[in-house]
């Protein structure tokens, strides 16, 4: 009798062991979805043991999150919070969604931090240049002079009690292009972390956020764009997970006139594209909205001041690449950045 019980016990343990092994060895599948929102191409990739239907449900929910933020923050959408704020400029407060209020409030924090080098009240200037669209052009000095007085983040008034926003002066327009994609990435990641997945890459027009792993073991290797070549050419990579990687660079969107390149990173101070020694700035942090704002801010400040700013912030790292192919790293990236292109040199 005892032998029978022992045999049964061993058999049950064996079945459980085999079952556990099969579960553990279950294949990790890859599913992805591409969509167009926030003025750019977005792609969410899942690495999961779930079946196709479950994965597609997750991906559809991710799209709905991004679409919702686009509907709230796209200045060209007549029903959006930003369009309404701009229409009411100089007249009245506009009640907005908690999402929009949070993004604008965060934007003002980075405006203070950068002494106005990052400023979401540049909407009129962005519309004037229209870089990245078919009607992009180099405006005249008179046109630029006419919109510069409308740019001042201190004229954005927040009413926290009523979740409302007002622009003090008529003609001032908000544009959240430098921060909304980061917020959308954060919201998608917040949702994905509650799902049964092994890992994910969220790529919103170059705003990248990684979660977990694609093979259950290793970190992701995220390429750092070569600013001298077309998109897809990397000078090296960052080994990371559960972090966002966001780059601002002169290669992303631009127009050319009389042999001169005019990129899309516009200075709120001059009205023209920022001119300094930099080709690109990449920020790494666990908050994509912060990365988004800081990549533009650090680029505008230049290498020296930009490095000082990033090194003063917690859990934030950066790669500065200059036009003469010099690379400056913050301390936290020196072990995780792998340089592959020998024409670039690390300076610190």
C-alpha atoms as a PDB file:
ATOM      1  CA  UNK A   1       0.000   0.000   0.000  1.00  0.00           C
ATOM      2  CA  UNK A   2       2.814   2.333   0.947  1.00  0.00           C
ATOM      3  CA  UNK A   3       4.591   1.531  -2.328  1.00  0.00           C
ATOM      4  CA  UNK A   4       1.462   2.390  -4.337  1.00  0.00           C
ATOM      5  CA  UNK A   5       1.155   5.739  -2.555  1.00  0.00           C
ATOM      6  CA  UNK A   6       4.832   6.441  -3.157  1.00  0.00           C
ATOM      7  CA  UNK A   7       4.526   5.612  -6.856  1.00  0.00           C
ATOM      8  CA  UNK A   8       1.434   7.844  -7.145  1.00  0.00           C
ATOM      9  CA  UNK A   9       3.227  10.664  -5.339  1.00  0.00           C
ATOM     10  CA  UNK A  10       6.256  10.387  -7.640  1.00  0.00           C
ATOM     11  CA  UNK A  11       4.002  10.284 -10.709  1.00  0.00           C
ATOM     12  CA  UNK A  12       2.188  13.468  -9.635  1.00  0.00           C
ATOM     13  CA  UNK A  13       5.478  15.235  -8.969  1.00  0.00           C
ATOM     14  CA  UNK A  14       6.777  14.160 -12.378  1.00  0.00           C
ATOM     15  CA  UNK A  15       3.673  15.461 -14.147  1.00  0.00           C
ATOM     16  CA  UNK A  16       3.912  18.769 -12.285  1.00  0.00           C
ATOM     17  CA  UNK A  17       7.605  19.052 -13.141  1.00  0.00           C
ATOM     18  CA  UNK A  18       6.941  18.393 -16.843  1.00  0.00           C
ATOM     19  CA  UNK A  19       4.031  20.835 -16.848  1.00  0.00           C
ATOM     20  CA  UNK A  20       6.148  23.520 -15.164  1.00  0.00           C
ATOM     21  CA  UNK A  21       8.957  22.892 -17.631  1.00  0.00           C
ATOM     22  CA  UNK A  22       6.601  23.267 -20.594  1.00  0.00           C
ATOM     23  CA  UNK A  23       5.180  26.489 -19.177  1.00  0.00           C
ATOM     24  CA  UNK A  24       8.660  27.841 -18.575  1.00  0.00           C
ATOM     25  CA  UNK A  25       9.784  26.829 -22.056  1.00  0.00           C
ATOM     26  CA  UNK A  26       6.717  28.287 -23.747  1.00  0.00           C
ATOM     27  CA  UNK A  27       7.779  30.244 -26.791  1.00  0.00           C
ATOM     28  CA  UNK A  28       7.951  34.036 -26.596  1.00  0.00           C
ATOM     29  CA  UNK A  29       6.143  35.448 -29.632  1.00  0.00           C
ATOM     30  CA  UNK A  30       6.542  38.874 -31.220  1.00  0.00           C
ATOM     31  CA  UNK A  31       3.563  41.026 -32.196  1.00  0.00           C
ATOM     32  CA  UNK A  32       3.564  44.632 -33.333  1.00  0.00           C
ATOM     33  CA  UNK A  33       1.277  47.369 -34.564  1.00  0.00           C
ATOM     34  CA  UNK A  34       2.092  50.523 -36.513  1.00  0.00           C
ATOM     35  CA  UNK A  35      -0.110  53.624 -36.430  1.00  0.00           C
ATOM     36  CA  UNK A  36       0.041  57.353 -37.205  1.00  0.00           C
ATOM     37  CA  UNK A  37      -0.737  59.846 -34.433  1.00  0.00           C
ATOM     38  CA  UNK A  38       0.866  62.922 -32.873  1.00  0.00           C
ATOM     39  CA  UNK A  39       2.222  63.897 -36.276  1.00  0.00           C
ATOM     40  CA  UNK A  40       4.452  60.840 -36.580  1.00  0.00           C
ATOM     41  CA  UNK A  41       4.632  57.080 -37.120  1.00  0.00           C
ATOM     42  CA  UNK A  42       4.209  55.035 -33.939  1.00  0.00           C
ATOM     43  CA  UNK A  43       4.995  51.369 -33.379  1.00  0.00           C
ATOM     44  CA  UNK A  44       4.350  49.177 -30.350  1.00  0.00           C
ATOM     45  CA  UNK A  45       6.063  45.772 -30.260  1.00  0.00           C
ATOM     46  CA  UNK A  46       5.198  43.069 -27.727  1.00  0.00           C
ATOM     47  CA  UNK A  47       7.247  40.070 -26.641  1.00  0.00           C
ATOM     48  CA  UNK A  48       4.808  37.713 -24.977  1.00  0.00           C
ATOM     49  CA  UNK A  49       3.746  34.118 -24.403  1.00  0.00           C
ATOM     50  CA  UNK A  50       0.139  35.185 -24.986  1.00  0.00           C
ATOM     51  CA  UNK A  51      -1.730  34.126 -28.113  1.00  0.00           C
ATOM     52  CA  UNK A  52      -2.350  36.377 -31.108  1.00  0.00           C
ATOM     53  CA  UNK A  53      -5.826  37.486 -30.043  1.00  0.00           C
ATOM     54  CA  UNK A  54      -4.653  38.480 -26.563  1.00  0.00           C
ATOM     55  CA  UNK A  55      -1.681  40.339 -28.032  1.00  0.00           C
ATOM     56  CA  UNK A  56      -3.836  42.175 -30.569  1.00  0.00           C
ATOM     57  CA  UNK A  57      -6.241  43.237 -27.827  1.00  0.00           C
ATOM     58  CA  UNK A  58      -3.298  44.716 -25.917  1.00  0.00           C
ATOM     59  CA  UNK A  59      -1.979  46.467 -29.041  1.00  0.00           C
ATOM     60  CA  UNK A  60      -5.415  47.905 -29.834  1.00  0.00           C
ATOM     61  CA  UNK A  61      -5.646  49.290 -26.309  1.00  0.00           C
ATOM     62  CA  UNK A  62      -2.210  50.871 -26.756  1.00  0.00           C
ATOM     63  CA  UNK A  63      -3.429  52.534 -29.941  1.00  0.00           C
ATOM     64  CA  UNK A  64      -6.504  53.859 -28.144  1.00  0.00           C
ATOM     65  CA  UNK A  65      -4.283  55.442 -25.471  1.00  0.00           C
ATOM     66  CA  UNK A  66      -2.131  57.198 -28.093  1.00  0.00           C
ATOM     67  CA  UNK A  67      -5.174  58.234 -30.128  1.00  0.00           C
ATOM     68  CA  UNK A  68      -6.830  59.714 -27.039  1.00  0.00           C
ATOM     69  CA  UNK A  69      -3.779  61.859 -26.278  1.00  0.00           C
ATOM     70  CA  UNK A  70      -3.565  62.947 -29.917  1.00  0.00           C
ATOM     71  CA  UNK A  71      -7.235  63.972 -29.808  1.00  0.00           C
ATOM     72  CA  UNK A  72      -6.572  66.076 -26.703  1.00  0.00           C
ATOM     73  CA  UNK A  73      -3.243  67.670 -27.633  1.00  0.00           C
ATOM     74  CA  UNK A  74      -3.083  68.015 -31.422  1.00  0.00           C
ATOM     75  CA  UNK A  75      -3.338  71.776 -32.120  1.00  0.00           C
ATOM     76  CA  UNK A  76      -4.851  71.088 -35.554  1.00  0.00           C
ATOM     77  CA  UNK A  77      -7.781  69.062 -34.205  1.00  0.00           C
ATOM     78  CA  UNK A  78     -10.746  71.399 -33.724  1.00  0.00           C
ATOM     79  CA  UNK A  79     -12.073  69.490 -30.717  1.00  0.00           C
ATOM     80  CA  UNK A  80      -8.699  69.242 -28.933  1.00  0.00           C
ATOM     81  CA  UNK A  81      -7.864  70.983 -25.673  1.00  0.00           C
ATOM     82  CA  UNK A  82      -4.916  72.755 -27.293  1.00  0.00           C
ATOM     83  CA  UNK A  83      -6.971  74.104 -30.197  1.00  0.00           C
ATOM     84  CA  UNK A  84      -9.550  75.484 -27.749  1.00  0.00           C
ATOM     85  CA  UNK A  85      -6.883  77.062 -25.518  1.00  0.00           C
ATOM     86  CA  UNK A  86      -5.352  78.766 -28.560  1.00  0.00           C
ATOM     87  CA  UNK A  87      -8.743  79.990 -29.772  1.00  0.00           C
ATOM     88  CA  UNK A  88      -9.462  81.516 -26.354  1.00  0.00           C
ATOM     89  CA  UNK A  89      -6.063  83.214 -26.070  1.00  0.00           C
ATOM     90  CA  UNK A  90      -6.363  86.650 -24.495  1.00  0.00           C
ATOM     91  CA  UNK A  91     -10.023  86.075 -23.697  1.00  0.00           C
ATOM     92  CA  UNK A  92     -10.841  83.315 -21.221  1.00  0.00           C
ATOM     93  CA  UNK A  93      -9.835  80.143 -19.430  1.00  0.00           C
ATOM     94  CA  UNK A  94     -10.357  76.773 -21.125  1.00  0.00           C
ATOM     95  CA  UNK A  95     -11.230  73.720 -19.051  1.00  0.00           C
ATOM     96  CA  UNK A  96      -9.045  70.817 -20.153  1.00  0.00           C
ATOM     97  CA  UNK A  97      -8.561  67.116 -19.452  1.00  0.00           C
ATOM     98  CA  UNK A  98      -6.315  66.029 -16.561  1.00  0.00           C
ATOM     99  CA  UNK A  99      -3.858  64.669 -19.147  1.00  0.00           C
ATOM    100  CA  UNK A 100      -3.509  67.996 -20.948  1.00  0.00           C
ATOM    101  CA  UNK A 101      -3.257  69.929 -17.696  1.00  0.00           C
ATOM    102  CA  UNK A 102      -0.494  67.634 -16.430  1.00  0.00           C
ATOM    103  CA  UNK A 103       1.539  67.965 -19.641  1.00  0.00           C
ATOM    104  CA  UNK A 104       1.271  71.769 -19.693  1.00  0.00           C
ATOM    105  CA  UNK A 105       2.194  71.980 -16.012  1.00  0.00           C
ATOM    106  CA  UNK A 106       5.239  69.759 -16.623  1.00  0.00           C
ATOM    107  CA  UNK A 107       6.195  71.864 -19.646  1.00  0.00           C
ATOM    108  CA  UNK A 108       6.195  75.001 -17.493  1.00  0.00           C
ATOM    109  CA  UNK A 109       8.495  73.252 -15.010  1.00  0.00           C
ATOM    110  CA  UNK A 110      11.028  72.605 -17.777  1.00  0.00           C
ATOM    111  CA  UNK A 111      10.632  76.160 -19.052  1.00  0.00           C
ATOM    112  CA  UNK A 112      11.640  77.424 -15.617  1.00  0.00           C
ATOM    113  CA  UNK A 113      14.466  74.896 -15.431  1.00  0.00           C
ATOM    114  CA  UNK A 114      15.866  76.003 -18.799  1.00  0.00           C
ATOM    115  CA  UNK A 115      15.269  79.749 -18.440  1.00  0.00           C
ATOM    116  CA  UNK A 116      12.831  79.650 -21.345  1.00  0.00           C
ATOM    117  CA  UNK A 117      14.937  77.635 -23.803  1.00  0.00           C
ATOM    118  CA  UNK A 118      12.096  75.103 -23.689  1.00  0.00           C
ATOM    119  CA  UNK A 119       8.803  76.911 -24.237  1.00  0.00           C
ATOM    120  CA  UNK A 120       5.491  75.426 -25.401  1.00  0.00           C
ATOM    121  CA  UNK A 121       4.079  78.871 -26.245  1.00  0.00           C
ATOM    122  CA  UNK A 122       5.944  78.680 -29.592  1.00  0.00           C
ATOM    123  CA  UNK A 123       2.855  77.576 -31.533  1.00  0.00           C
ATOM    124  CA  UNK A 124       2.749  80.645 -33.792  1.00  0.00           C
ATOM    125  CA  UNK A 125       6.450  80.251 -34.600  1.00  0.00           C
ATOM    126  CA  UNK A 126       6.056  76.535 -35.353  1.00  0.00           C
ATOM    127  CA  UNK A 127       3.164  77.322 -37.707  1.00  0.00           C
ATOM    128  CA  UNK A 128       5.230  80.004 -39.418  1.00  0.00           C
ATOM    129  CA  UNK A 129       8.082  77.636 -40.297  1.00  0.00           C
ATOM    130  CA  UNK A 130       5.856  74.546 -40.701  1.00  0.00           C
ATOM    131  CA  UNK A 131       8.933  72.292 -40.835  1.00  0.00           C
ATOM    132  CA  UNK A 132       8.022  68.668 -41.469  1.00  0.00           C
ATOM    133  CA  UNK A 133       5.015  69.581 -43.624  1.00  0.00           C
ATOM    134  CA  UNK A 134       4.562  70.227 -47.335  1.00  0.00           C
ATOM    135  CA  UNK A 135       4.159  73.979 -46.816  1.00  0.00           C
ATOM    136  CA  UNK A 136       7.431  74.355 -44.896  1.00  0.00           C
ATOM    137  CA  UNK A 137       9.300  77.569 -45.710  1.00  0.00           C
ATOM    138  CA  UNK A 138      11.843  80.029 -44.379  1.00  0.00           C
ATOM    139  CA  UNK A 139       9.853  83.031 -43.106  1.00  0.00           C
ATOM    140  CA  UNK A 140      11.020  86.615 -43.456  1.00  0.00           C
ATOM    141  CA  UNK A 141      12.619  88.486 -40.572  1.00  0.00           C
ATOM    142  CA  UNK A 142       9.528  90.696 -40.349  1.00  0.00           C
ATOM    143  CA  UNK A 143       7.294  87.632 -39.980  1.00  0.00           C
ATOM    144  CA  UNK A 144       9.514  86.228 -37.241  1.00  0.00           C
ATOM    145  CA  UNK A 145       9.605  89.588 -35.463  1.00  0.00           C
ATOM    146  CA  UNK A 146       5.809  89.683 -35.518  1.00  0.00           C
ATOM    147  CA  UNK A 147       5.427  86.397 -33.589  1.00  0.00           C
ATOM    148  CA  UNK A 148       8.341  86.640 -31.129  1.00  0.00           C
ATOM    149  CA  UNK A 149       6.348  88.863 -28.704  1.00  0.00           C
ATOM    150  CA  UNK A 150       3.696  86.112 -28.467  1.00  0.00           C
ATOM    151  CA  UNK A 151       6.242  83.633 -27.051  1.00  0.00           C
ATOM    152  CA  UNK A 152       6.593  83.644 -23.274  1.00  0.00           C
ATOM    153  CA  UNK A 153       5.755  80.663 -21.096  1.00  0.00           C
ATOM    154  CA  UNK A 154       5.095  83.032 -18.188  1.00  0.00           C
ATOM    155  CA  UNK A 155       1.942  84.114 -20.010  1.00  0.00           C
ATOM    156  CA  UNK A 156       0.468  80.614 -19.633  1.00  0.00           C
ATOM    157  CA  UNK A 157      -1.843  80.764 -16.611  1.00  0.00           C
ATOM    158  CA  UNK A 158      -2.971  77.610 -14.809  1.00  0.00           C
ATOM    159  CA  UNK A 159      -6.058  77.258 -12.625  1.00  0.00           C
ATOM    160  CA  UNK A 160      -5.432  73.985 -10.779  1.00  0.00           C
ATOM    161  CA  UNK A 161      -8.722  74.059  -8.889  1.00  0.00           C
ATOM    162  CA  UNK A 162     -10.747  74.058 -12.111  1.00  0.00           C
ATOM    163  CA  UNK A 163      -8.247  72.237 -14.370  1.00  0.00           C
ATOM    164  CA  UNK A 164      -8.247  75.253 -16.665  1.00  0.00           C
ATOM    165  CA  UNK A 165      -5.641  77.051 -18.773  1.00  0.00           C
ATOM    166  CA  UNK A 166      -5.498  80.560 -20.206  1.00  0.00           C
ATOM    167  CA  UNK A 167      -3.053  82.356 -22.471  1.00  0.00           C
ATOM    168  CA  UNK A 168      -2.725  85.992 -21.413  1.00  0.00           C
ATOM    169  CA  UNK A 169      -2.249  87.461 -24.879  1.00  0.00           C
ATOM    170  CA  UNK A 170      -4.116  87.047 -28.132  1.00  0.00           C
ATOM    171  CA  UNK A 171      -1.834  85.547 -30.757  1.00  0.00           C
ATOM    172  CA  UNK A 172      -0.047  83.253 -28.318  1.00  0.00           C
ATOM    173  CA  UNK A 173      -0.413  79.591 -29.256  1.00  0.00           C
ATOM    174  CA  UNK A 174       0.565  76.396 -27.499  1.00  0.00           C
ATOM    175  CA  UNK A 175       2.351  73.549 -29.250  1.00  0.00           C
ATOM    176  CA  UNK A 176       3.086  70.417 -27.208  1.00  0.00           C
ATOM    177  CA  UNK A 177       5.124  68.740 -29.959  1.00  0.00           C
ATOM    178  CA  UNK A 178       8.196  68.749 -27.730  1.00  0.00           C
ATOM    179  CA  UNK A 179       6.596  66.823 -24.881  1.00  0.00           C
ATOM    180  CA  UNK A 180       3.306  65.100 -25.858  1.00  0.00           C
ATOM    181  CA  UNK A 181       4.909  62.021 -27.453  1.00  0.00           C
ATOM    182  CA  UNK A 182       6.847  61.404 -24.272  1.00  0.00           C
ATOM    183  CA  UNK A 183       3.684  61.597 -22.199  1.00  0.00           C
ATOM    184  CA  UNK A 184       1.918  59.211 -24.577  1.00  0.00           C
ATOM    185  CA  UNK A 185       4.805  56.742 -24.256  1.00  0.00           C
ATOM    186  CA  UNK A 186       4.581  56.921 -20.457  1.00  0.00           C
ATOM    187  CA  UNK A 187       0.836  56.226 -20.557  1.00  0.00           C
ATOM    188  CA  UNK A 188       1.270  53.247 -22.884  1.00  0.00           C
ATOM    189  CA  UNK A 189       4.042  51.822 -20.694  1.00  0.00           C
ATOM    190  CA  UNK A 190       1.933  52.321 -17.565  1.00  0.00           C
ATOM    191  CA  UNK A 191      -0.749  50.176 -19.209  1.00  0.00           C
ATOM    192  CA  UNK A 192       1.663  47.545 -20.575  1.00  0.00           C
ATOM    193  CA  UNK A 193       3.278  46.941 -17.192  1.00  0.00           C
ATOM    194  CA  UNK A 194      -0.084  45.619 -15.976  1.00  0.00           C
ATOM    195  CA  UNK A 195      -0.336  43.100 -18.834  1.00  0.00           C
ATOM    196  CA  UNK A 196       1.028  39.560 -19.138  1.00  0.00           C
ATOM    197  CA  UNK A 197       4.006  40.259 -21.376  1.00  0.00           C
ATOM    198  CA  UNK A 198       7.724  39.509 -21.200  1.00  0.00           C
ATOM    199  CA  UNK A 199       8.774  42.798 -22.730  1.00  0.00           C
ATOM    200  CA  UNK A 200       7.955  45.602 -25.144  1.00  0.00           C
ATOM    201  CA  UNK A 201       9.421  48.382 -27.239  1.00  0.00           C
ATOM    202  CA  UNK A 202       7.241  51.465 -27.561  1.00  0.00           C
ATOM    203  CA  UNK A 203       8.487  53.704 -30.372  1.00  0.00           C
ATOM    204  CA  UNK A 204       6.564  56.939 -30.868  1.00  0.00           C
ATOM    205  CA  UNK A 205       8.356  58.696 -33.694  1.00  0.00           C
ATOM    206  CA  UNK A 206      11.779  58.010 -32.172  1.00  0.00           C
ATOM    207  CA  UNK A 207      10.656  58.386 -28.554  1.00  0.00           C
ATOM    208  CA  UNK A 208      11.562  54.905 -27.360  1.00  0.00           C
ATOM    209  CA  UNK A 209      10.575  53.158 -24.139  1.00  0.00           C
ATOM    210  CA  UNK A 210      11.681  49.600 -23.342  1.00  0.00           C
ATOM    211  CA  UNK A 211      10.081  47.215 -20.862  1.00  0.00           C
ATOM    212  CA  UNK A 212      11.450  43.899 -19.620  1.00  0.00           C
ATOM    213  CA  UNK A 213      13.171  41.731 -22.214  1.00  0.00           C
ATOM    214  CA  UNK A 214      12.402  40.200 -25.598  1.00  0.00           C
ATOM    215  CA  UNK A 215      13.993  36.867 -24.715  1.00  0.00           C
ATOM    216  CA  UNK A 216      13.400  36.682 -20.978  1.00  0.00           C
ATOM    217  CA  UNK A 217      17.059  37.331 -20.192  1.00  0.00           C
ATOM    218  CA  UNK A 218      18.858  40.189 -21.889  1.00  0.00           C
ATOM    219  CA  UNK A 219      18.419  43.949 -21.970  1.00  0.00           C
ATOM    220  CA  UNK A 220      17.505  45.778 -25.166  1.00  0.00           C
ATOM    221  CA  UNK A 221      20.196  47.376 -27.322  1.00  0.00           C
ATOM    222  CA  UNK A 222      18.851  50.705 -28.567  1.00  0.00           C
ATOM    223  CA  UNK A 223      20.721  52.257 -31.468  1.00  0.00           C
ATOM    224  CA  UNK A 224      21.969  55.846 -31.273  1.00  0.00           C
ATOM    225  CA  UNK A 225      21.398  57.531 -34.616  1.00  0.00           C
ATOM    226  CA  UNK A 226      24.347  58.784 -36.663  1.00  0.00           C
ATOM    227  CA  UNK A 227      23.368  62.463 -37.071  1.00  0.00           C
ATOM    228  CA  UNK A 228      25.357  62.694 -40.321  1.00  0.00           C
ATOM    229  CA  UNK A 229      23.437  59.909 -42.082  1.00  0.00           C
ATOM    230  CA  UNK A 230      19.812  58.969 -42.902  1.00  0.00           C
ATOM    231  CA  UNK A 231      17.634  57.462 -40.162  1.00  0.00           C
ATOM    232  CA  UNK A 232      18.508  53.849 -39.400  1.00  0.00           C
ATOM    233  CA  UNK A 233      22.284  54.328 -39.309  1.00  0.00           C
ATOM    234  CA  UNK A 234      23.643  54.002 -35.769  1.00  0.00           C
ATOM    235  CA  UNK A 235      27.012  55.055 -34.348  1.00  0.00           C
ATOM    236  CA  UNK A 236      26.527  52.737 -31.377  1.00  0.00           C
ATOM    237  CA  UNK A 237      23.966  51.429 -28.937  1.00  0.00           C
ATOM    238  CA  UNK A 238      22.744  51.714 -25.362  1.00  0.00           C
ATOM    239  CA  UNK A 239      22.078  48.552 -23.361  1.00  0.00           C
ATOM    240  CA  UNK A 240      18.998  49.296 -21.259  1.00  0.00           C
ATOM    241  CA  UNK A 241      15.572  48.186 -20.094  1.00  0.00           C
ATOM    242  CA  UNK A 242      12.656  49.842 -18.302  1.00  0.00           C
ATOM    243  CA  UNK A 243      13.947  53.167 -19.569  1.00  0.00           C
ATOM    244  CA  UNK A 244      13.065  55.701 -22.217  1.00  0.00           C
ATOM    245  CA  UNK A 245      15.574  56.831 -24.842  1.00  0.00           C
ATOM    246  CA  UNK A 246      14.744  60.083 -26.660  1.00  0.00           C
ATOM    247  CA  UNK A 247      16.882  61.996 -29.153  1.00  0.00           C
ATOM    248  CA  UNK A 248      16.630  65.539 -30.513  1.00  0.00           C
ATOM    249  CA  UNK A 249      18.791  66.222 -33.533  1.00  0.00           C
ATOM    250  CA  UNK A 250      19.283  68.421 -36.559  1.00  0.00           C
ATOM    251  CA  UNK A 251      18.865  65.435 -38.913  1.00  0.00           C
ATOM    252  CA  UNK A 252      15.252  64.640 -37.968  1.00  0.00           C
ATOM    253  CA  UNK A 253      13.182  67.265 -39.794  1.00  0.00           C
ATOM    254  CA  UNK A 254      14.487  70.188 -41.793  1.00  0.00           C
ATOM    255  CA  UNK A 255      14.179  72.287 -44.921  1.00  0.00           C
ATOM    256  CA  UNK A 256      16.919  73.586 -47.196  1.00  0.00           C
ATOM    257  CA  UNK A 257      17.153  76.987 -48.867  1.00  0.00           C
ATOM    258  CA  UNK A 258      20.095  78.373 -50.835  1.00  0.00           C
ATOM    259  CA  UNK A 259      22.287  75.546 -49.582  1.00  0.00           C
ATOM    260  CA  UNK A 260      21.511  76.215 -45.900  1.00  0.00           C
ATOM    261  CA  UNK A 261      19.816  73.646 -43.658  1.00  0.00           C
ATOM    262  CA  UNK A 262      17.075  74.855 -41.298  1.00  0.00           C
ATOM    263  CA  UNK A 263      16.197  72.161 -38.746  1.00  0.00           C
ATOM    264  CA  UNK A 264      13.036  71.908 -36.643  1.00  0.00           C
ATOM    265  CA  UNK A 265      14.430  72.759 -33.176  1.00  0.00           C
ATOM    266  CA  UNK A 266      13.396  76.405 -33.028  1.00  0.00           C
ATOM    267  CA  UNK A 267      14.750  78.881 -30.497  1.00  0.00           C
ATOM    268  CA  UNK A 268      12.040  80.783 -28.582  1.00  0.00           C
ATOM    269  CA  UNK A 269      14.641  83.525 -28.158  1.00  0.00           C
ATOM    270  CA  UNK A 270      15.594  84.181 -31.811  1.00  0.00           C
ATOM    271  CA  UNK A 271      12.770  82.601 -33.789  1.00  0.00           C
ATOM    272  CA  UNK A 272      15.293  80.648 -35.868  1.00  0.00           C
ATOM    273  CA  UNK A 273      16.569  77.069 -35.567  1.00  0.00           C
ATOM    274  CA  UNK A 274      19.008  76.720 -32.665  1.00  0.00           C
ATOM    275  CA  UNK A 275      22.590  77.198 -33.838  1.00  0.00           C
ATOM    276  CA  UNK A 276      25.377  75.695 -31.775  1.00  0.00           C
ATOM    277  CA  UNK A 277      28.041  72.981 -31.910  1.00  0.00           C
ATOM    278  CA  UNK A 278      25.596  70.078 -31.443  1.00  0.00           C
ATOM    279  CA  UNK A 279      24.208  67.563 -33.905  1.00  0.00           C
ATOM    280  CA  UNK A 280      22.083  65.652 -31.413  1.00  0.00           C
ATOM    281  CA  UNK A 281      21.301  65.011 -27.763  1.00  0.00           C
ATOM    282  CA  UNK A 282      19.992  61.684 -26.459  1.00  0.00           C
ATOM    283  CA  UNK A 283      18.385  61.462 -23.014  1.00  0.00           C
ATOM    284  CA  UNK A 284      17.915  58.238 -21.024  1.00  0.00           C
ATOM    285  CA  UNK A 285      15.524  58.140 -18.062  1.00  0.00           C
ATOM    286  CA  UNK A 286      12.607  56.161 -16.651  1.00  0.00           C
ATOM    287  CA  UNK A 287      10.184  58.955 -17.625  1.00  0.00           C
ATOM    288  CA  UNK A 288       9.677  59.579 -21.344  1.00  0.00           C
ATOM    289  CA  UNK A 289       7.914  62.923 -20.924  1.00  0.00           C
ATOM    290  CA  UNK A 290      10.952  64.236 -19.067  1.00  0.00           C
ATOM    291  CA  UNK A 291      13.242  62.766 -21.738  1.00  0.00           C
ATOM    292  CA  UNK A 292      11.226  64.482 -24.456  1.00  0.00           C
ATOM    293  CA  UNK A 293      11.417  67.923 -22.860  1.00  0.00           C
ATOM    294  CA  UNK A 294      15.035  67.518 -21.744  1.00  0.00           C
ATOM    295  CA  UNK A 295      16.343  66.424 -25.147  1.00  0.00           C
ATOM    296  CA  UNK A 296      15.114  69.693 -26.671  1.00  0.00           C
ATOM    297  CA  UNK A 297      16.219  71.723 -23.647  1.00  0.00           C
ATOM    298  CA  UNK A 298      19.726  70.253 -23.474  1.00  0.00           C
ATOM    299  CA  UNK A 299      20.187  70.662 -27.224  1.00  0.00           C
ATOM    300  CA  UNK A 300      19.188  74.316 -27.004  1.00  0.00           C
ATOM    301  CA  UNK A 301      21.549  74.965 -24.077  1.00  0.00           C
ATOM    302  CA  UNK A 302      24.584  73.477 -25.841  1.00  0.00           C
ATOM    303  CA  UNK A 303      27.106  70.925 -24.619  1.00  0.00           C
ATOM    304  CA  UNK A 304      28.550  72.642 -21.558  1.00  0.00           C
ATOM    305  CA  UNK A 305      25.344  73.998 -20.029  1.00  0.00           C
ATOM    306  CA  UNK A 306      23.343  70.984 -21.174  1.00  0.00           C
ATOM    307  CA  UNK A 307      25.708  68.576 -19.417  1.00  0.00           C
ATOM    308  CA  UNK A 308      25.519  70.637 -16.234  1.00  0.00           C
ATOM    309  CA  UNK A 309      21.726  70.482 -16.307  1.00  0.00           C
ATOM    310  CA  UNK A 310      21.494  66.737 -16.953  1.00  0.00           C
ATOM    311  CA  UNK A 311      24.105  65.881 -14.317  1.00  0.00           C
ATOM    312  CA  UNK A 312      22.092  67.869 -11.757  1.00  0.00           C
ATOM    313  CA  UNK A 313      18.985  65.719 -12.292  1.00  0.00           C
ATOM    314  CA  UNK A 314      18.314  62.333 -10.641  1.00  0.00           C
ATOM    315  CA  UNK A 315      17.997  59.144 -12.720  1.00  0.00           C
ATOM    316  CA  UNK A 316      18.813  61.009 -15.927  1.00  0.00           C
ATOM    317  CA  UNK A 317      21.662  60.367 -18.376  1.00  0.00           C
ATOM    318  CA  UNK A 318      22.629  61.843 -21.735  1.00  0.00           C
ATOM    319  CA  UNK A 319      24.753  61.550 -24.863  1.00  0.00           C
ATOM    320  CA  UNK A 320      25.809  64.794 -26.562  1.00  0.00           C
ATOM    321  CA  UNK A 321      27.117  64.487 -30.137  1.00  0.00           C
ATOM    322  CA  UNK A 322      28.784  67.506 -31.760  1.00  0.00           C
ATOM    323  CA  UNK A 323      29.029  68.424 -35.427  1.00  0.00           C
ATOM    324  CA  UNK A 324      32.733  67.536 -35.383  1.00  0.00           C
ATOM    325  CA  UNK A 325      31.884  63.982 -34.206  1.00  0.00           C
ATOM    326  CA  UNK A 326      32.814  64.349 -30.552  1.00  0.00           C
ATOM    327  CA  UNK A 327      30.755  62.479 -27.965  1.00  0.00           C
ATOM    328  CA  UNK A 328      30.154  63.553 -24.373  1.00  0.00           C
ATOM    329  CA  UNK A 329      28.569  61.074 -21.954  1.00  0.00           C
ATOM    330  CA  UNK A 330      27.142  61.535 -18.489  1.00  0.00           C
ATOM    331  CA  UNK A 331      28.724  59.135 -15.941  1.00  0.00           C
ATOM    332  CA  UNK A 332      25.821  56.671 -15.810  1.00  0.00           C
ATOM    333  CA  UNK A 333      26.150  55.750 -19.500  1.00  0.00           C
ATOM    334  CA  UNK A 334      29.872  55.064 -19.673  1.00  0.00           C
ATOM    335  CA  UNK A 335      29.393  51.329 -19.099  1.00  0.00           C
ATOM    336  CA  UNK A 336      26.170  50.867 -21.089  1.00  0.00           C
ATOM    337  CA  UNK A 337      26.996  52.827 -24.270  1.00  0.00           C
ATOM    338  CA  UNK A 338      28.809  50.812 -26.934  1.00  0.00           C
ATOM    339  CA  UNK A 339      30.473  52.957 -29.634  1.00  0.00           C
ATOM    340  CA  UNK A 340      30.810  51.146 -32.967  1.00  0.00           C
ATOM    341  CA  UNK A 341      31.768  53.948 -35.373  1.00  0.00           C
ATOM    342  CA  UNK A 342      35.457  54.821 -35.011  1.00  0.00           C
ATOM    343  CA  UNK A 343      35.025  58.169 -36.796  1.00  0.00           C
ATOM    344  CA  UNK A 344      33.364  59.406 -33.583  1.00  0.00           C
ATOM    345  CA  UNK A 345      35.380  59.841 -30.385  1.00  0.00           C
ATOM    346  CA  UNK A 346      34.299  59.877 -26.735  1.00  0.00           C
ATOM    347  CA  UNK A 347      35.754  62.944 -25.032  1.00  0.00           C
ATOM    348  CA  UNK A 348      35.065  62.325 -21.357  1.00  0.00           C
END
